[in-house]
Amino acid sequence: GFKLEQNSPNPFNKSTFIGFHLSESNWVRLVVVDLNGKELYSLKKYYEKGYHRVELDQRDLAVQGTLLYTLTAGKHTATRKLIFYE
């Protein structure tokens, strides 16, 4: 089924990976926001059924601290926390 994994490593300071599993091929939207809801990173891409990983780099995020990432694929949505520091 659909599953959003915890990013690894977490916390991170250079790059981190976000893994997810799709039960069917679909458009995926990954959004990273700060705790005030300001969007810091967004990705929209079509993925085939199965396991995938997205790499986030320190250049993708302009704010340090605790952030939230949300993955949406069709009717499925999941959110997790990540910690970015320099």
Foldseek 3Di string as FASTA:
>chain_A
DWDKDDWPPFADAFKIKTKIFAQAWFWKKKWKAAPVRHTQAIDIDTDGGTMDMDMDGNVSGDDFAKIKMWMDTVPDIDMDIGGYDD
